[in-house]
């Protein structure tokens, strides 16, 4: 799962760099930002689900 998280972060960064560097491709920057935010939300939800399963001592 961590590999998928890192891959999506890498894709978002590459799309963001291409979107900033190339004129007229600003939509790639927007797509990169959306992917990055969705990836962070997914990772945060996964961490919170995992934390609930631990028994209280």
Protein backbone atom coordinates (compact mmCIF):
# COMPACT_ATOMS: atom_id res chain seq x y z
CA UNK A 1 0.00 0.00 0.00
CA UNK A 2 2.87 2.34 0.75
CA UNK A 3 4.22 1.77 -2.76
CA UNK A 4 0.90 2.91 -4.25
CA UNK A 5 0.93 6.02 -2.06
CA UNK A 6 4.46 6.93 -3.15
CA UNK A 7 3.67 6.23 -6.81
CA UNK A 8 0.65 8.54 -6.73
CA UNK A 9 2.67 11.27 -5.02
CA UNK A 10 5.34 10.93 -7.71
CA UNK A 11 2.72 11.13 -10.49
CA UNK A 12 1.18 14.23 -8.89
CA UNK A 13 4.58 15.95 -8.64
CA UNK A 14 5.49 15.13 -12.25
CA UNK A 15 2.13 16.39 -13.54
CA UNK A 16 2.54 19.55 -11.46
CA UNK A 17 6.02 20.24 -12.84
CA UNK A 18 4.90 19.67 -16.42
CA UNK A 19 1.83 21.86 -15.85
CA UNK A 20 3.96 24.72 -14.53
CA UNK A 21 6.77 24.41 -17.08
CA UNK A 22 4.70 24.07 -20.26
CA UNK A 23 2.56 27.00 -21.29
CA UNK A 24 -1.05 26.09 -21.93
CA UNK A 25 -0.94 22.90 -19.85
CA UNK A 26 -2.18 24.37 -16.60
CA UNK A 27 -4.83 21.68 -16.42
CA UNK A 28 -2.03 19.18 -15.69
CA UNK A 29 -1.13 21.22 -12.62
CA UNK A 30 -4.77 21.09 -11.49
CA UNK A 31 -4.92 17.32 -12.08
CA UNK A 32 -1.68 16.87 -10.14
CA UNK A 33 -3.07 18.84 -7.19
CA UNK A 34 -6.31 16.84 -7.21
CA UNK A 35 -4.40 13.53 -7.29
CA UNK A 36 -2.15 14.67 -4.44
CA UNK A 37 -5.06 15.76 -2.23
CA UNK A 38 -7.01 12.57 -2.96
CA UNK A 39 -3.93 10.50 -2.16
CA UNK A 40 -3.44 12.26 1.18
CA UNK A 41 -7.10 11.77 2.09
CA UNK A 42 -6.95 8.09 1.19
CA UNK A 43 -3.75 7.58 3.19
CA UNK A 44 -5.18 9.44 6.19
CA UNK A 45 -8.37 7.38 6.12
CA UNK A 46 -6.36 4.18 5.95
CA UNK A 47 -4.23 5.23 8.94
CA UNK A 48 -7.27 6.13 11.01
CA UNK A 49 -8.93 2.77 10.26
CA UNK A 50 -5.80 0.91 11.26
CA UNK A 51 -5.51 2.84 14.53
CA UNK A 52 -9.02 1.82 15.65
CA UNK A 53 -8.31 -1.93 15.48
CA UNK A 54 -5.74 -1.87 18.28
CA UNK A 55 -7.08 -3.03 21.63
CA UNK A 56 -7.14 -0.56 24.52
CA UNK A 57 -4.88 -1.52 27.43
